[in-house]
Structure formats: C-alpha cells, structure tokens
PDB file of N, CA and C in Angstrom:
ATOM      1  N   UNK A   1     -34.011 -81.063  64.301  1.00  0.00           N
ATOM      2  CA  UNK A   1     -35.202 -79.513  63.551  1.00  0.00           C
ATOM      3  C   UNK A   1     -33.322 -78.654  64.794  1.00  0.00           C
ATOM      4  N   UNK A   2     -32.893 -78.667  65.000  1.00  0.00           N
ATOM      5  CA  UNK A   2     -32.133 -77.369  65.429  1.00  0.00           C
ATOM      6  C   UNK A   2     -30.963 -77.619  65.412  1.00  0.00           C
ATOM      7  N   UNK A   3     -30.665 -79.304  64.533  1.00  0.00           N
ATOM      8  CA  UNK A   3     -29.515 -79.252  63.819  1.00  0.00           C
ATOM      9  C   UNK A   3     -29.257 -78.671  62.524  1.00  0.00           C
ATOM     10  N   UNK A   4     -30.738 -77.643  62.685  1.00  0.00           N
ATOM     11  CA  UNK A   4     -29.866 -77.388  60.883  1.00  0.00           C
ATOM     12  C   UNK A   4     -29.233 -75.804  61.001  1.00  0.00           C
ATOM     13  N   UNK A   5     -28.886 -75.535  62.212  1.00  0.00           N
ATOM     14  CA  UNK A   5     -28.116 -74.161  60.915  1.00  0.00           C
ATOM     15  C   UNK A   5     -27.006 -74.944  62.054  1.00  0.00           C
ATOM     16  N   UNK A   6     -26.500 -75.943  62.338  1.00  0.00           N
ATOM     17  CA  UNK A   6     -25.150 -76.359  63.303  1.00  0.00           C
ATOM     18  C   UNK A   6     -24.537 -76.523  62.772  1.00  0.00           C
ATOM     19  N   UNK A   7     -23.170 -75.918  62.723  1.00  0.00           N
ATOM     20  CA  UNK A   7     -21.407 -75.789  61.842  1.00  0.00           C
ATOM     21  C   UNK A   7     -20.786 -77.960  62.246  1.00  0.00           C
ATOM     22  N   UNK A   8     -20.521 -77.871  60.743  1.00  0.00           N
ATOM     23  CA  UNK A   8     -20.351 -78.967  61.270  1.00  0.00           C
ATOM     24  C   UNK A   8     -18.122 -79.657  61.636  1.00  0.00           C
ATOM     25  N   UNK A   9     -18.296 -80.183  62.747  1.00  0.00           N
ATOM     26  CA  UNK A   9     -16.839 -79.825  63.517  1.00  0.00           C
ATOM     27  C   UNK A   9     -15.861 -80.165  62.430  1.00  0.00           C
ATOM     28  N   UNK A  10     -14.275 -79.950  62.789  1.00  0.00           N
ATOM     29  CA  UNK A  10     -13.303 -79.885  61.497  1.00  0.00           C
ATOM     30  C   UNK A  10     -14.158 -81.971  61.715  1.00  0.00           C
ATOM     31  N   UNK A  11     -13.860 -82.582  62.620  1.00  0.00           N
ATOM     32  CA  UNK A  11     -13.783 -83.832  63.009  1.00  0.00           C
ATOM     33  C   UNK A  11     -14.538 -84.458  61.787  1.00  0.00           C
ATOM     34  N   UNK A  12     -15.601 -83.934  62.031  1.00  0.00           N
ATOM     35  CA  UNK A  12     -17.227 -84.156  61.065  1.00  0.00           C
ATOM     36  C   UNK A  12     -16.617 -84.235  59.129  1.00  0.00           C
ATOM     37  N   UNK A  13     -16.162 -83.263  59.012  1.00  0.00           N
ATOM     38  CA  UNK A  13     -16.191 -82.851  57.966  1.00  0.00           C
ATOM     39  C   UNK A  13     -15.243 -84.090  58.049  1.00  0.00           C
ATOM     40  N   UNK A  14     -14.001 -83.900  58.116  1.00  0.00           N
ATOM     41  CA  UNK A  14     -12.666 -84.712  57.181  1.00  0.00           C
ATOM     42  C   UNK A  14     -13.259 -86.401  57.609  1.00  0.00           C
ATOM     43  N   UNK A  15     -14.214 -86.959  58.155  1.00  0.00           N
ATOM     44  CA  UNK A  15     -14.726 -88.165  57.943  1.00  0.00           C
ATOM     45  C   UNK A  15     -15.616 -88.297  56.357  1.00  0.00           C
ATOM     46  N   UNK A  16     -16.181 -87.100  56.635  1.00  0.00           N
ATOM     47  CA  UNK A  16     -17.061 -87.699  55.256  1.00  0.00           C
ATOM     48  C   UNK A  16     -16.088 -87.173  54.472  1.00  0.00           C
ATOM     49  N   UNK A  17     -15.131 -86.155  53.974  1.00  0.00           N
ATOM     50  CA  UNK A  17     -14.006 -86.238  53.055  1.00  0.00           C
ATOM     51  C   UNK A  17     -13.655 -88.054  53.403  1.00  0.00           C
ATOM     52  N   UNK A  18     -12.444 -88.466  54.141  1.00  0.00           N
ATOM     53  CA  UNK A  18     -12.387 -89.871  53.604  1.00  0.00           C
ATOM     54  C   UNK A  18     -13.632 -90.644  53.177  1.00  0.00           C
ATOM     55  N   UNK A  19     -14.528 -90.677  53.390  1.00  0.00           N
ATOM     56  CA  UNK A  19     -15.840 -91.907  53.150  1.00  0.00           C
ATOM     57  C   UNK A  19     -15.465 -91.406  51.778  1.00  0.00           C
ATOM     58  N   UNK A  20     -16.425 -89.930  51.649  1.00  0.00           N
ATOM     59  CA  UNK A  20     -15.949 -89.844  49.407  1.00  0.00           C
ATOM     60  C   UNK A  20     -14.708 -90.048  49.713  1.00  0.00           C
ATOM     61  N   UNK A  21     -13.924 -89.725  50.215  1.00  0.00           N
ATOM     62  CA  UNK A  21     -12.377 -90.577  48.839  1.00  0.00           C
ATOM     63  C   UNK A  21     -12.763 -91.739  48.881  1.00  0.00           C
ATOM     64  N   UNK A  22     -13.333 -93.097  49.480  1.00  0.00           N
ATOM     65  CA  UNK A  22     -13.761 -94.213  48.797  1.00  0.00           C
ATOM     66  C   UNK A  22     -14.422 -94.509  48.336  1.00  0.00           C
ATOM     67  N   UNK A  23     -15.359 -93.979  48.633  1.00  0.00           N
ATOM     68  CA  UNK A  23     -16.603 -94.366  46.981  1.00  0.00           C
ATOM     69  C   UNK A  23     -15.746 -94.243  46.042  1.00  0.00           C
ATOM     70  N   UNK A  24     -14.870 -92.765  45.954  1.00  0.00           N
ATOM     71  CA  UNK A  24     -14.840 -92.784  44.529  1.00  0.00           C
ATOM     72  C   UNK A  24     -13.792 -93.567  44.421  1.00  0.00           C
ATOM     73  N   UNK A  25     -12.409 -94.425  45.013  1.00  0.00           N
ATOM     74  CA  UNK A  25     -11.519 -94.885  45.101  1.00  0.00           C
ATOM     75  C   UNK A  25     -12.262 -96.210  44.536  1.00  0.00           C
ATOM     76  N   UNK A  26     -13.392 -96.710  44.871  1.00  0.00           N
ATOM     77  CA  UNK A  26     -13.892 -97.920  44.532  1.00  0.00           C
ATOM     78  C   UNK A  26     -14.748 -98.121  43.293  1.00  0.00           C
ATOM     79  N   UNK A  27     -15.408 -97.229  42.972  1.00  0.00           N
ATOM     80  CA  UNK A  27     -15.180 -96.389  41.546  1.00  0.00           C
ATOM     81  C   UNK A  27     -14.625 -97.240  40.774  1.00  0.00           C
ATOM     82  N   UNK A  28     -14.229 -95.455  40.892  1.00  0.00           N
ATOM     83  CA  UNK A  28     -12.061 -95.926  39.903  1.00  0.00           C
ATOM     84  C   UNK A  28     -11.708 -97.163  39.594  1.00  0.00           C
ATOM     85  N   UNK A  29     -11.963 -97.977  40.982  1.00  0.00           N
ATOM     86  CA  UNK A  29     -11.061 -99.065  41.327  1.00  0.00           C
ATOM     87  C   UNK A  29     -11.230-100.243  39.745  1.00  0.00           C
ATOM     88  N   UNK A  30     -12.581-100.456  39.239  1.00  0.00           N
ATOM     89  CA  UNK A  30     -13.090-101.333  37.831  1.00  0.00           C
ATOM     90  C   UNK A  30     -12.128-100.393  35.956  1.00  0.00           C
ATOM     91  N   UNK A  31     -12.431 -99.012  36.768  1.00  0.00           N
ATOM     92  CA  UNK A  31     -11.822 -98.520  35.253  1.00  0.00           C
ATOM     93  C   UNK A  31     -10.535 -98.123  35.063  1.00  0.00           C
ATOM     94  N   UNK A  32     -10.261 -97.588  36.005  1.00  0.00           N
ATOM     95  CA  UNK A  32      -8.818 -96.822  36.828  1.00  0.00           C
ATOM     96  C   UNK A  32      -7.889 -96.967  37.402  1.00  0.00           C
ATOM     97  N   UNK A  33      -6.578 -98.168  37.683  1.00  0.00           N
ATOM     98  CA  UNK A  33      -6.676 -98.321  38.117  1.00  0.00           C
ATOM     99  C   UNK A  33      -5.387 -97.187  38.992  1.00  0.00           C
ATOM    100  N   UNK A  34      -5.048 -96.924  38.372  1.00  0.00           N
ATOM    101  CA  UNK A  34      -4.469 -95.575  38.698  1.00  0.00           C
ATOM    102  C   UNK A  34      -4.941 -94.646  39.521  1.00  0.00           C
ATOM    103  N   UNK A  35      -5.917 -94.317  39.689  1.00  0.00           N
ATOM    104  CA  UNK A  35      -7.015 -92.773  39.871  1.00  0.00           C
ATOM    105  C   UNK A  35      -7.377 -93.422  41.966  1.00  0.00           C
ATOM    106  N   UNK A  36      -8.021 -94.744  41.161  1.00  0.00           N
ATOM    107  CA  UNK A  36      -7.760 -95.735  42.173  1.00  0.00           C
ATOM    108  C   UNK A  36      -7.143 -95.866  43.269  1.00  0.00           C
ATOM    109  N   UNK A  37      -5.832 -95.310  43.352  1.00  0.00           N
ATOM    110  CA  UNK A  37      -4.587 -95.613  44.363  1.00  0.00           C
ATOM    111  C   UNK A  37      -4.765 -94.379  44.460  1.00  0.00           C
ATOM    112  N   UNK A  38      -4.554 -93.127  43.895  1.00  0.00           N
ATOM    113  CA  UNK A  38      -4.596 -92.514  43.663  1.00  0.00           C
ATOM    114  C   UNK A  38      -5.655 -91.659  45.349  1.00  0.00           C
ATOM    115  N   UNK A  39      -6.591 -92.011  45.038  1.00  0.00           N
ATOM    116  CA  UNK A  39      -8.007 -91.797  45.282  1.00  0.00           C
ATOM    117  C   UNK A  39      -7.294 -92.395  46.551  1.00  0.00           C
ATOM    118  N   UNK A  40      -7.158 -93.436  46.876  1.00  0.00           N
ATOM    119  CA  UNK A  40      -7.246 -94.308  48.420  1.00  0.00           C
ATOM    120  C   UNK A  40      -6.158 -93.527  49.401  1.00  0.00           C
ATOM    121  N   UNK A  41      -4.757 -93.330  48.151  1.00  0.00           N
ATOM    122  CA  UNK A  41      -3.811 -92.456  49.009  1.00  0.00           C
ATOM    123  C   UNK A  41      -4.460 -91.182  49.837  1.00  0.00           C
ATOM    124  N   UNK A  42      -4.807 -90.472  48.702  1.00  0.00           N
ATOM    125  CA  UNK A  42      -5.491 -89.664  49.483  1.00  0.00           C
ATOM    126  C   UNK A  42      -6.027 -89.530  51.223  1.00  0.00           C
ATOM    127  N   UNK A  43      -7.598 -90.490  50.544  1.00  0.00           N
ATOM    128  CA  UNK A  43      -8.193 -90.938  52.153  1.00  0.00           C
ATOM    129  C   UNK A  43      -7.785 -91.695  53.072  1.00  0.00           C
ATOM    130  N   UNK A  44      -6.046 -91.527  52.540  1.00  0.00           N
ATOM    131  CA  UNK A  44      -5.592 -92.282  54.107  1.00  0.00           C
ATOM    132  C   UNK A  44      -4.672 -90.993  54.661  1.00  0.00           C
ATOM    133  N   UNK A  45      -4.146 -90.151  53.821  1.00  0.00           N
ATOM    134  CA  UNK A  45      -3.896 -88.970  54.339  1.00  0.00           C
ATOM    135  C   UNK A  45      -4.866 -88.552  54.971  1.00  0.00           C
ATOM    136  N   UNK A  46      -6.248 -88.725  54.709  1.00  0.00           N
ATOM    137  CA  UNK A  46      -7.261 -87.934  55.589  1.00  0.00           C
ATOM    138  C   UNK A  46      -7.213 -88.722  57.154  1.00  0.00           C
ATOM    139  N   UNK A  47      -7.635 -89.827  56.799  1.00  0.00           N
ATOM    140  CA  UNK A  47      -7.462 -90.852  57.906  1.00  0.00           C
ATOM    141  C   UNK A  47      -5.977 -90.471  58.967  1.00  0.00           C
ATOM    142  N   UNK A  48      -4.939 -90.513  58.932  1.00  0.00           N
ATOM    143  CA  UNK A  48      -3.893 -89.885  58.881  1.00  0.00           C
ATOM    144  C   UNK A  48      -3.960 -87.852  60.032  1.00  0.00           C
ATOM    145  N   UNK A  49      -5.038 -87.316  59.569  1.00  0.00           N
ATOM    146  CA  UNK A  49      -5.226 -85.820  60.367  1.00  0.00           C
ATOM    147  C   UNK A  49      -6.526 -86.012  61.218  1.00  0.00           C
ATOM    148  N   UNK A  50      -6.851 -87.238  60.616  1.00  0.00           N
ATOM    149  CA  UNK A  50      -8.292 -87.263  61.408  1.00  0.00           C
ATOM    150  C   UNK A  50      -7.620 -88.068  63.067  1.00  0.00           C
ATOM    151  N   UNK A  51      -6.824 -88.278  63.084  1.00  0.00           N
ATOM    152  CA  UNK A  51      -6.130 -89.594  64.161  1.00  0.00           C
ATOM    153  C   UNK A  51      -4.942 -88.282  64.634  1.00  0.00           C
ATOM    154  N   UNK A  52      -4.269 -87.664  64.560  1.00  0.00           N
ATOM    155  CA  UNK A  52      -3.640 -86.468  64.931  1.00  0.00           C
ATOM    156  C   UNK A  52      -4.992 -85.567  65.766  1.00  0.00           C
ATOM    157  N   UNK A  53      -6.043 -85.278  65.244  1.00  0.00           N
ATOM    158  CA  UNK A  53      -7.683 -84.927  65.931  1.00  0.00           C
ATOM    159  C   UNK A  53      -7.689 -85.307  67.421  1.00  0.00           C
ATOM    160  N   UNK A  54      -7.704 -86.993  67.081  1.00  0.00           N
ATOM    161  CA  UNK A  54      -8.294 -87.754  67.908  1.00  0.00           C
ATOM    162  C   UNK A  54      -6.990 -87.785  68.868  1.00  0.00           C
ATOM    163  N   UNK A  55      -5.961 -87.669  68.744  1.00  0.00           N
ATOM    164  CA  UNK A  55      -5.390 -88.125  69.935  1.00  0.00           C
ATOM    165  C   UNK A  55      -5.046 -86.571  70.483  1.00  0.00           C
TER     166      UNK A  55
END
C-alpha cells in the first residue's frame, strides 16, 4: 500500500520498456517481420542502457 506513491526508478522504467518492446516484437513477428525486427532492435538498445546503469 505504501508503494502507491513511490516513483519508479530509471532501472524499473527501462525494464518495463524492454519487456513491452519484446512483447510487441513477438506480436508483430507473425504479421510484419520488418516491424518485428525494428522492435527487437529497440529492445536491444534499451538493454544496453540497462547494462550501463548496472555498471
């Protein structure tokens, strides 16, 4: 209950964005391969940002 007003950290935001991009990539993989590849690339860029934050 006390986490109701807690703001997400940068790491949590990036993790959520990464998961969202991967889901979108998977969804598009059956209909539009080019867009799927683009979303996968964006997800990889977000993962690189996450790795830099952890270092």
